[in-house]
Amino acid sequence: MILKKQDCNKDKKSRPLIGILLFLISIILMVLTGPLGLVYGFFQQLFTKGLVGVGEFALKIAVSIDQLGNVVMQHLFNLLWIKDGGYEFGNSDETISSALGKNKQLGTLSGFGKAIDKILDSIDSNHSLNSIDYYIQPSEENR
């Protein structure tokens, strides 16, 4: 488990070209090494923990992809899914559903945001509300 020390210092200003370069490198690394890591991870979990391990591994990946979507789609979601003054999408440590649930609590979902929330609720009752600040971190005994 990696814990980030919380402090009250202002965020450092980022250098745009460094950010773009690191983004491109991360894409290249993911394309080249991601499939190998995915296949190895599924087999490793299957042989050490069985189907339960595969399910846990898949869930971790799903949450990570959801967090990525919250960052990548933040501008569009902020425009289409929430009213002015709502809780904004874009936190890299949060899922889309968590931000959606916070806006549901605040009553700041737009009509489109309410429709998305209803679709999720039809699949999993109270999905967005149950997703608020939901982090998946296995305990030491499950490792």
C-alpha atoms as a PDB file:
ATOM      1  CA  MET A   1       0.000   0.000   0.000  1.00  0.00           C
ATOM      2  CA  ILE A   2       1.321   3.444  -0.889  1.00  0.00           C
ATOM      3  CA  LEU A   3       0.235   6.315   1.301  1.00  0.00           C
ATOM      4  CA  LYS A   4       0.766   9.905   0.292  1.00  0.00           C
ATOM      5  CA  LYS A   5       1.703  12.311   3.035  1.00  0.00           C
ATOM      6  CA  GLN A   6      -0.870  15.077   3.119  1.00  0.00           C
ATOM      7  CA  ASP A   7       0.413  18.588   3.561  1.00  0.00           C
ATOM      8  CA  CYS A   8      -0.840  22.111   3.157  1.00  0.00           C
ATOM      9  CA  ASN A   9       1.785  23.238   0.674  1.00  0.00           C
ATOM     10  CA  LYS A  10       0.679  24.638  -2.630  1.00  0.00           C
ATOM     11  CA  ASP A  11       0.988  22.336  -5.617  1.00  0.00           C
ATOM     12  CA  LYS A  12       4.109  22.810  -7.703  1.00  0.00           C
ATOM     13  CA  LYS A  13       3.580  24.359 -11.096  1.00  0.00           C
ATOM     14  CA  SER A  14       3.913  21.780 -13.819  1.00  0.00           C
ATOM     15  CA  ARG A  15       6.022  22.202 -16.896  1.00  0.00           C
ATOM     16  CA  PRO A  16       3.775  21.599 -19.935  1.00  0.00           C
ATOM     17  CA  LEU A  17       6.391  19.962 -22.146  1.00  0.00           C
ATOM     18  CA  ILE A  18       7.421  17.551 -19.377  1.00  0.00           C
ATOM     19  CA  GLY A  19       3.765  16.599 -18.878  1.00  0.00           C
ATOM     20  CA  ILE A  20       3.280  15.959 -22.579  1.00  0.00           C
ATOM     21  CA  LEU A  21       6.504  13.941 -22.800  1.00  0.00           C
ATOM     22  CA  LEU A  22       5.584  11.791 -19.779  1.00  0.00           C
ATOM     23  CA  PHE A  23       2.099  11.255 -21.219  1.00  0.00           C
ATOM     24  CA  LEU A  24       3.559   9.993 -24.514  1.00  0.00           C
ATOM     25  CA  ILE A  25       6.052   7.730 -22.736  1.00  0.00           C
ATOM     26  CA  SER A  26       3.288   6.262 -20.555  1.00  0.00           C
ATOM     27  CA  ILE A  27       1.154   5.487 -23.634  1.00  0.00           C
ATOM     28  CA  ILE A  28       4.084   3.786 -25.398  1.00  0.00           C
ATOM     29  CA  LEU A  29       4.948   1.736 -22.297  1.00  0.00           C
ATOM     30  CA  MET A  30       1.334   0.687 -21.816  1.00  0.00           C
ATOM     31  CA  VAL A  31       0.961  -0.416 -25.430  1.00  0.00           C
ATOM     32  CA  LEU A  32       4.236  -2.366 -25.380  1.00  0.00           C
ATOM     33  CA  THR A  33       4.105  -3.932 -21.901  1.00  0.00           C
ATOM     34  CA  GLY A  34       0.421  -3.822 -20.896  1.00  0.00           C
ATOM     35  CA  PRO A  35      -0.746  -6.939 -22.745  1.00  0.00           C
ATOM     36  CA  LEU A  36       2.107  -9.028 -21.317  1.00  0.00           C
ATOM     37  CA  GLY A  37       1.417  -7.797 -17.777  1.00  0.00           C
ATOM     38  CA  LEU A  38      -2.313  -8.410 -18.173  1.00  0.00           C
ATOM     39  CA  VAL A  39      -1.911 -11.992 -19.375  1.00  0.00           C
ATOM     40  CA  TYR A  40       0.754 -12.772 -16.759  1.00  0.00           C
ATOM     41  CA  GLY A  41      -1.367 -11.198 -14.003  1.00  0.00           C
ATOM     42  CA  PHE A  42      -4.469 -13.196 -14.898  1.00  0.00           C
ATOM     43  CA  PHE A  43      -2.547 -16.493 -14.969  1.00  0.00           C
ATOM     44  CA  GLN A  44      -0.613 -15.682 -11.786  1.00  0.00           C
ATOM     45  CA  GLN A  45      -3.867 -14.914  -9.940  1.00  0.00           C
ATOM     46  CA  LEU A  46      -5.609 -17.951 -11.399  1.00  0.00           C
ATOM     47  CA  PHE A  47      -2.882 -20.340 -10.251  1.00  0.00           C
ATOM     48  CA  THR A  48      -2.329 -18.753  -6.818  1.00  0.00           C
ATOM     49  CA  LYS A  49      -5.856 -17.698  -5.763  1.00  0.00           C
ATOM     50  CA  GLY A  50      -8.115 -19.301  -8.334  1.00  0.00           C
ATOM     51  CA  LEU A  51     -11.114 -17.570  -9.823  1.00  0.00           C
ATOM     52  CA  VAL A  52     -11.383 -15.289  -6.772  1.00  0.00           C
ATOM     53  CA  GLY A  53      -7.913 -13.913  -7.511  1.00  0.00           C
ATOM     54  CA  VAL A  54      -8.806 -13.313 -11.152  1.00  0.00           C
ATOM     55  CA  GLY A  55     -11.940 -11.462 -10.038  1.00  0.00           C
ATOM     56  CA  GLU A  56      -9.980  -9.277  -7.608  1.00  0.00           C
ATOM     57  CA  PHE A  57      -7.387  -8.483 -10.269  1.00  0.00           C
ATOM     58  CA  ALA A  58     -10.092  -7.621 -12.808  1.00  0.00           C
ATOM     59  CA  LEU A  59     -11.852  -5.369 -10.284  1.00  0.00           C
ATOM     60  CA  LYS A  60      -8.633  -3.459  -9.549  1.00  0.00           C
ATOM     61  CA  ILE A  61      -8.143  -2.902 -13.274  1.00  0.00           C
ATOM     62  CA  ALA A  62     -11.768  -1.790 -13.699  1.00  0.00           C
ATOM     63  CA  VAL A  63     -11.443   0.772 -10.884  1.00  0.00           C
ATOM     64  CA  SER A  64      -8.177   2.076 -12.358  1.00  0.00           C
ATOM     65  CA  ILE A  65      -9.769   2.460 -15.785  1.00  0.00           C
ATOM     66  CA  ASP A  66     -12.731   4.234 -14.164  1.00  0.00           C
ATOM     67  CA  GLN A  67     -10.334   6.642 -12.410  1.00  0.00           C
ATOM     68  CA  LEU A  68      -8.586   7.279 -15.722  1.00  0.00           C
ATOM     69  CA  GLY A  69     -11.966   7.991 -17.311  1.00  0.00           C
ATOM     70  CA  ASN A  70     -12.717  10.500 -14.564  1.00  0.00           C
ATOM     71  CA  VAL A  71      -9.608  12.449 -15.564  1.00  0.00           C
ATOM     72  CA  VAL A  72      -9.831  12.038 -19.353  1.00  0.00           C
ATOM     73  CA  MET A  73     -13.543  12.850 -19.554  1.00  0.00           C
ATOM     74  CA  GLN A  74     -13.641  15.537 -16.831  1.00  0.00           C
ATOM     75  CA  HIS A  75     -14.265  18.508 -19.122  1.00  0.00           C
ATOM     76  CA  LEU A  76     -17.099  16.819 -20.992  1.00  0.00           C
ATOM     77  CA  PHE A  77     -18.694  15.410 -17.810  1.00  0.00           C
ATOM     78  CA  ASN A  78     -18.455  18.786 -16.058  1.00  0.00           C
ATOM     79  CA  LEU A  79     -20.223  20.367 -19.022  1.00  0.00           C
ATOM     80  CA  LEU A  80     -22.921  17.738 -19.575  1.00  0.00           C
ATOM     81  CA  TRP A  81     -23.555  15.976 -16.263  1.00  0.00           C
ATOM     82  CA  ILE A  82     -23.523  18.710 -13.597  1.00  0.00           C
ATOM     83  CA  LYS A  83     -24.967  22.152 -13.009  1.00  0.00           C
ATOM     84  CA  ASP A  84     -22.823  25.195 -12.242  1.00  0.00           C
ATOM     85  CA  GLY A  85     -21.333  24.932  -8.768  1.00  0.00           C
ATOM     86  CA  GLY A  86     -21.495  21.143  -8.690  1.00  0.00           C
ATOM     87  CA  TYR A  87     -18.747  18.842  -7.501  1.00  0.00           C
ATOM     88  CA  GLU A  88     -16.359  18.627 -10.444  1.00  0.00           C
ATOM     89  CA  PHE A  89     -15.105  15.485 -12.141  1.00  0.00           C
ATOM     90  CA  GLY A  90     -11.360  15.066 -12.662  1.00  0.00           C
ATOM     91  CA  ASN A  91      -9.885  13.826  -9.377  1.00  0.00           C
ATOM     92  CA  SER A  92      -7.390  11.123 -10.392  1.00  0.00           C
ATOM     93  CA  ASP A  93      -7.972   9.221  -7.134  1.00  0.00           C
ATOM     94  CA  GLU A  94     -11.739   9.012  -7.615  1.00  0.00           C
ATOM     95  CA  THR A  95     -14.049   7.002  -9.849  1.00  0.00           C
ATOM     96  CA  ILE A  96     -16.627   8.525 -12.154  1.00  0.00           C
ATOM     97  CA  SER A  97     -19.379   6.946 -10.058  1.00  0.00           C
ATOM     98  CA  SER A  98     -18.069   8.552  -6.860  1.00  0.00           C
ATOM     99  CA  ALA A  99     -18.139  12.043  -8.393  1.00  0.00           C
ATOM    100  CA  LEU A 100     -21.590  11.296  -9.834  1.00  0.00           C
ATOM    101  CA  GLY A 101     -22.794  10.219  -6.377  1.00  0.00           C
ATOM    102  CA  LYS A 102     -21.446  13.377  -4.723  1.00  0.00           C
ATOM    103  CA  ASN A 103     -23.365  15.474  -7.246  1.00  0.00           C
ATOM    104  CA  LYS A 104     -26.477  13.395  -6.618  1.00  0.00           C
ATOM    105  CA  GLN A 105     -26.164  14.147  -2.902  1.00  0.00           C
ATOM    106  CA  LEU A 106     -25.658  17.845  -3.606  1.00  0.00           C
ATOM    107  CA  GLY A 107     -28.585  17.967  -6.048  1.00  0.00           C
ATOM    108  CA  THR A 108     -26.312  19.334  -8.777  1.00  0.00           C
ATOM    109  CA  LEU A 109     -26.822  16.714 -11.486  1.00  0.00           C
ATOM    110  CA  SER A 110     -28.097  18.001 -14.809  1.00  0.00           C
ATOM    111  CA  GLY A 111     -30.890  16.159 -16.612  1.00  0.00           C
ATOM    112  CA  PHE A 112     -28.296  14.165 -18.531  1.00  0.00           C
ATOM    113  CA  GLY A 113     -26.405  13.376 -15.320  1.00  0.00           C
ATOM    114  CA  LYS A 114     -29.643  12.156 -13.699  1.00  0.00           C
ATOM    115  CA  ALA A 115     -30.287   9.909 -16.709  1.00  0.00           C
ATOM    116  CA  ILE A 116     -26.794   8.382 -16.446  1.00  0.00           C
ATOM    117  CA  ASP A 117     -27.343   7.856 -12.719  1.00  0.00           C
ATOM    118  CA  LYS A 118     -30.686   6.119 -13.353  1.00  0.00           C
ATOM    119  CA  ILE A 119     -29.044   3.781 -15.872  1.00  0.00           C
ATOM    120  CA  LEU A 120     -26.384   2.849 -13.317  1.00  0.00           C
ATOM    121  CA  ASP A 121     -29.070   2.398 -10.629  1.00  0.00           C
ATOM    122  CA  SER A 122     -30.947  -0.017 -12.886  1.00  0.00           C
ATOM    123  CA  ILE A 123     -27.810  -2.168 -13.097  1.00  0.00           C
ATOM    124  CA  ASP A 124     -26.701  -1.784  -9.454  1.00  0.00           C
ATOM    125  CA  SER A 125     -29.102  -0.213  -6.929  1.00  0.00           C
ATOM    126  CA  ASN A 126     -27.761   3.096  -5.496  1.00  0.00           C
ATOM    127  CA  HIS A 127     -24.539   2.576  -7.437  1.00  0.00           C
ATOM    128  CA  SER A 128     -23.284   6.162  -7.420  1.00  0.00           C
ATOM    129  CA  LEU A 129     -24.141   6.781  -3.765  1.00  0.00           C
ATOM    130  CA  ASN A 130     -22.496   3.512  -2.729  1.00  0.00           C
ATOM    131  CA  SER A 131     -19.416   4.441  -4.801  1.00  0.00           C
ATOM    132  CA  ILE A 132     -18.618   7.638  -2.930  1.00  0.00           C
ATOM    133  CA  ASP A 133     -15.043   7.419  -1.668  1.00  0.00           C
ATOM    134  CA  TYR A 134     -15.011   3.654  -2.245  1.00  0.00           C
ATOM    135  CA  TYR A 135     -11.435   2.484  -2.490  1.00  0.00           C
ATOM    136  CA  ILE A 136     -10.423  -1.079  -3.217  1.00  0.00           C
ATOM    137  CA  GLN A 137      -7.350  -2.053  -1.269  1.00  0.00           C
ATOM    138  CA  PRO A 138      -7.002  -5.671  -0.218  1.00  0.00           C
ATOM    139  CA  SER A 139      -6.074  -6.288   3.400  1.00  0.00           C
ATOM    140  CA  GLU A 140      -2.764  -7.927   4.251  1.00  0.00           C
ATOM    141  CA  GLU A 141      -4.523 -11.225   5.039  1.00  0.00           C
ATOM    142  CA  ASN A 142      -5.903 -11.421   1.461  1.00  0.00           C
ATOM    143  CA  ARG A 143      -2.530 -10.998  -0.222  1.00  0.00           C
END
